Amino acid sequence: MDRVERGETLTVTRSGVPVGELRPLPRPRVTASMLLTRWRSVPAVDAEAFRADVDAVLDPSL
């Protein structure tokens, strides 16, 4: 399954006779305009609050 996930198609056999294929499912294409639309709706990050949250997780004594 790891090989299929990486994009490889595998042939399944029974007693050496091919009986099927495992192939990755098609992934939806993301266009530049879709990314820009998503990016515009991302909320701003308060850098100080973010740093305080990270510090609290990494060093609970703070």
C-alpha atoms as a PDB file:
ATOM      1  CA  MET A   1       0.000   0.000   0.000  1.00  0.00           C
ATOM      2  CA  ASP A   2       2.942   2.349   0.663  1.00  0.00           C
ATOM      3  CA  ARG A   3       4.083   1.868  -2.938  1.00  0.00           C
ATOM      4  CA  VAL A   4       0.579   2.589  -4.263  1.00  0.00           C
ATOM      5  CA  GLU A   5       0.374   5.683  -2.063  1.00  0.00           C
ATOM      6  CA  ARG A   6       3.634   6.895  -3.640  1.00  0.00           C
ATOM      7  CA  GLY A   7       2.021   6.614  -7.086  1.00  0.00           C
ATOM      8  CA  GLU A   8       2.929   3.115  -8.231  1.00  0.00           C
ATOM      9  CA  THR A   9       0.427   0.741  -9.885  1.00  0.00           C
ATOM     10  CA  LEU A  10       0.727  -2.889  -8.757  1.00  0.00           C
ATOM     11  CA  THR A  11      -0.576  -6.024 -10.461  1.00  0.00           C
ATOM     12  CA  VAL A  12      -2.299  -8.559  -8.207  1.00  0.00           C
ATOM     13  CA  THR A  13      -1.807 -12.199  -9.203  1.00  0.00           C
ATOM     14  CA  ARG A  14      -3.236 -15.569  -8.200  1.00  0.00           C
ATOM     15  CA  SER A  15      -0.893 -18.483  -8.896  1.00  0.00           C
ATOM     16  CA  GLY A  16       1.116 -16.172 -11.160  1.00  0.00           C
ATOM     17  CA  VAL A  17      -1.915 -15.111 -13.233  1.00  0.00           C
ATOM     18  CA  PRO A  18      -2.805 -11.395 -13.153  1.00  0.00           C
ATOM     19  CA  VAL A  19      -6.268 -10.879 -11.641  1.00  0.00           C
ATOM     20  CA  GLY A  20      -6.331  -7.187 -10.789  1.00  0.00           C
ATOM     21  CA  GLU A  21      -4.493  -3.933 -10.221  1.00  0.00           C
ATOM     22  CA  LEU A  22      -3.964  -1.649  -7.271  1.00  0.00           C
ATOM     23  CA  ARG A  23      -3.518   1.934  -8.367  1.00  0.00           C
ATOM     24  CA  PRO A  24      -3.576   5.289  -6.605  1.00  0.00           C
ATOM     25  CA  LEU A  25      -6.822   7.240  -6.693  1.00  0.00           C
ATOM     26  CA  PRO A  26      -6.680  10.497  -8.650  1.00  0.00           C
ATOM     27  CA  ARG A  27      -5.997  13.502  -6.471  1.00  0.00           C
ATOM     28  CA  PRO A  28      -7.929  16.715  -7.024  1.00  0.00           C
ATOM     29  CA  ARG A  29      -5.941  19.411  -8.815  1.00  0.00           C
ATOM     30  CA  VAL A  30      -5.462  22.669  -6.939  1.00  0.00           C
ATOM     31  CA  THR A  31      -5.061  25.748  -9.104  1.00  0.00           C
ATOM     32  CA  ALA A  32      -3.203  28.930  -8.233  1.00  0.00           C
ATOM     33  CA  SER A  33      -6.478  30.844  -8.070  1.00  0.00           C
ATOM     34  CA  MET A  34      -7.884  28.285  -5.604  1.00  0.00           C
ATOM     35  CA  LEU A  35      -4.806  28.703  -3.393  1.00  0.00           C
ATOM     36  CA  LEU A  36      -5.067  32.498  -3.517  1.00  0.00           C
ATOM     37  CA  THR A  37      -8.752  32.355  -2.594  1.00  0.00           C
ATOM     38  CA  ARG A  38      -7.963  30.123   0.387  1.00  0.00           C
ATOM     39  CA  TRP A  39      -5.002  32.291   1.412  1.00  0.00           C
ATOM     40  CA  ARG A  40      -7.146  35.437   1.467  1.00  0.00           C
ATOM     41  CA  SER A  41      -9.507  33.834   3.997  1.00  0.00           C
ATOM     42  CA  VAL A  42      -6.771  32.715   6.419  1.00  0.00           C
ATOM     43  CA  PRO A  43      -6.959  34.723   9.633  1.00  0.00           C
ATOM     44  CA  ALA A  44      -3.994  36.840  10.706  1.00  0.00           C
ATOM     45  CA  VAL A  45      -1.648  35.266  13.232  1.00  0.00           C
ATOM     46  CA  ASP A  46      -0.764  37.112  16.413  1.00  0.00           C
ATOM     47  CA  ALA A  47       2.943  36.229  16.584  1.00  0.00           C
ATOM     48  CA  GLU A  48       3.285  36.963  20.311  1.00  0.00           C
ATOM     49  CA  ALA A  49       0.263  34.854  21.246  1.00  0.00           C
ATOM     50  CA  PHE A  50       1.472  32.045  18.981  1.00  0.00           C
ATOM     51  CA  ARG A  51       4.922  32.094  20.586  1.00  0.00           C
ATOM     52  CA  ALA A  52       3.377  32.052  24.062  1.00  0.00           C
ATOM     53  CA  ASP A  53       1.266  29.016  23.110  1.00  0.00           C
ATOM     54  CA  VAL A  54       4.298  27.170  21.721  1.00  0.00           C
ATOM     55  CA  ASP A  55       6.373  28.039  24.776  1.00  0.00           C
ATOM     56  CA  ALA A  56       3.601  26.812  27.079  1.00  0.00           C
ATOM     57  CA  VAL A  57       3.522  23.448  25.302  1.00  0.00           C
ATOM     58  CA  LEU A  58       7.297  23.009  25.143  1.00  0.00           C
ATOM     59  CA  ASP A  59       7.985  24.334  28.657  1.00  0.00           C
ATOM     60  CA  PRO A  60       4.894  24.069  30.878  1.00  0.00           C
ATOM     61  CA  SER A  61       6.747  25.835  33.730  1.00  0.00           C
ATOM     62  CA  LEU A  62       6.439  29.184  31.879  1.00  0.00           C
END
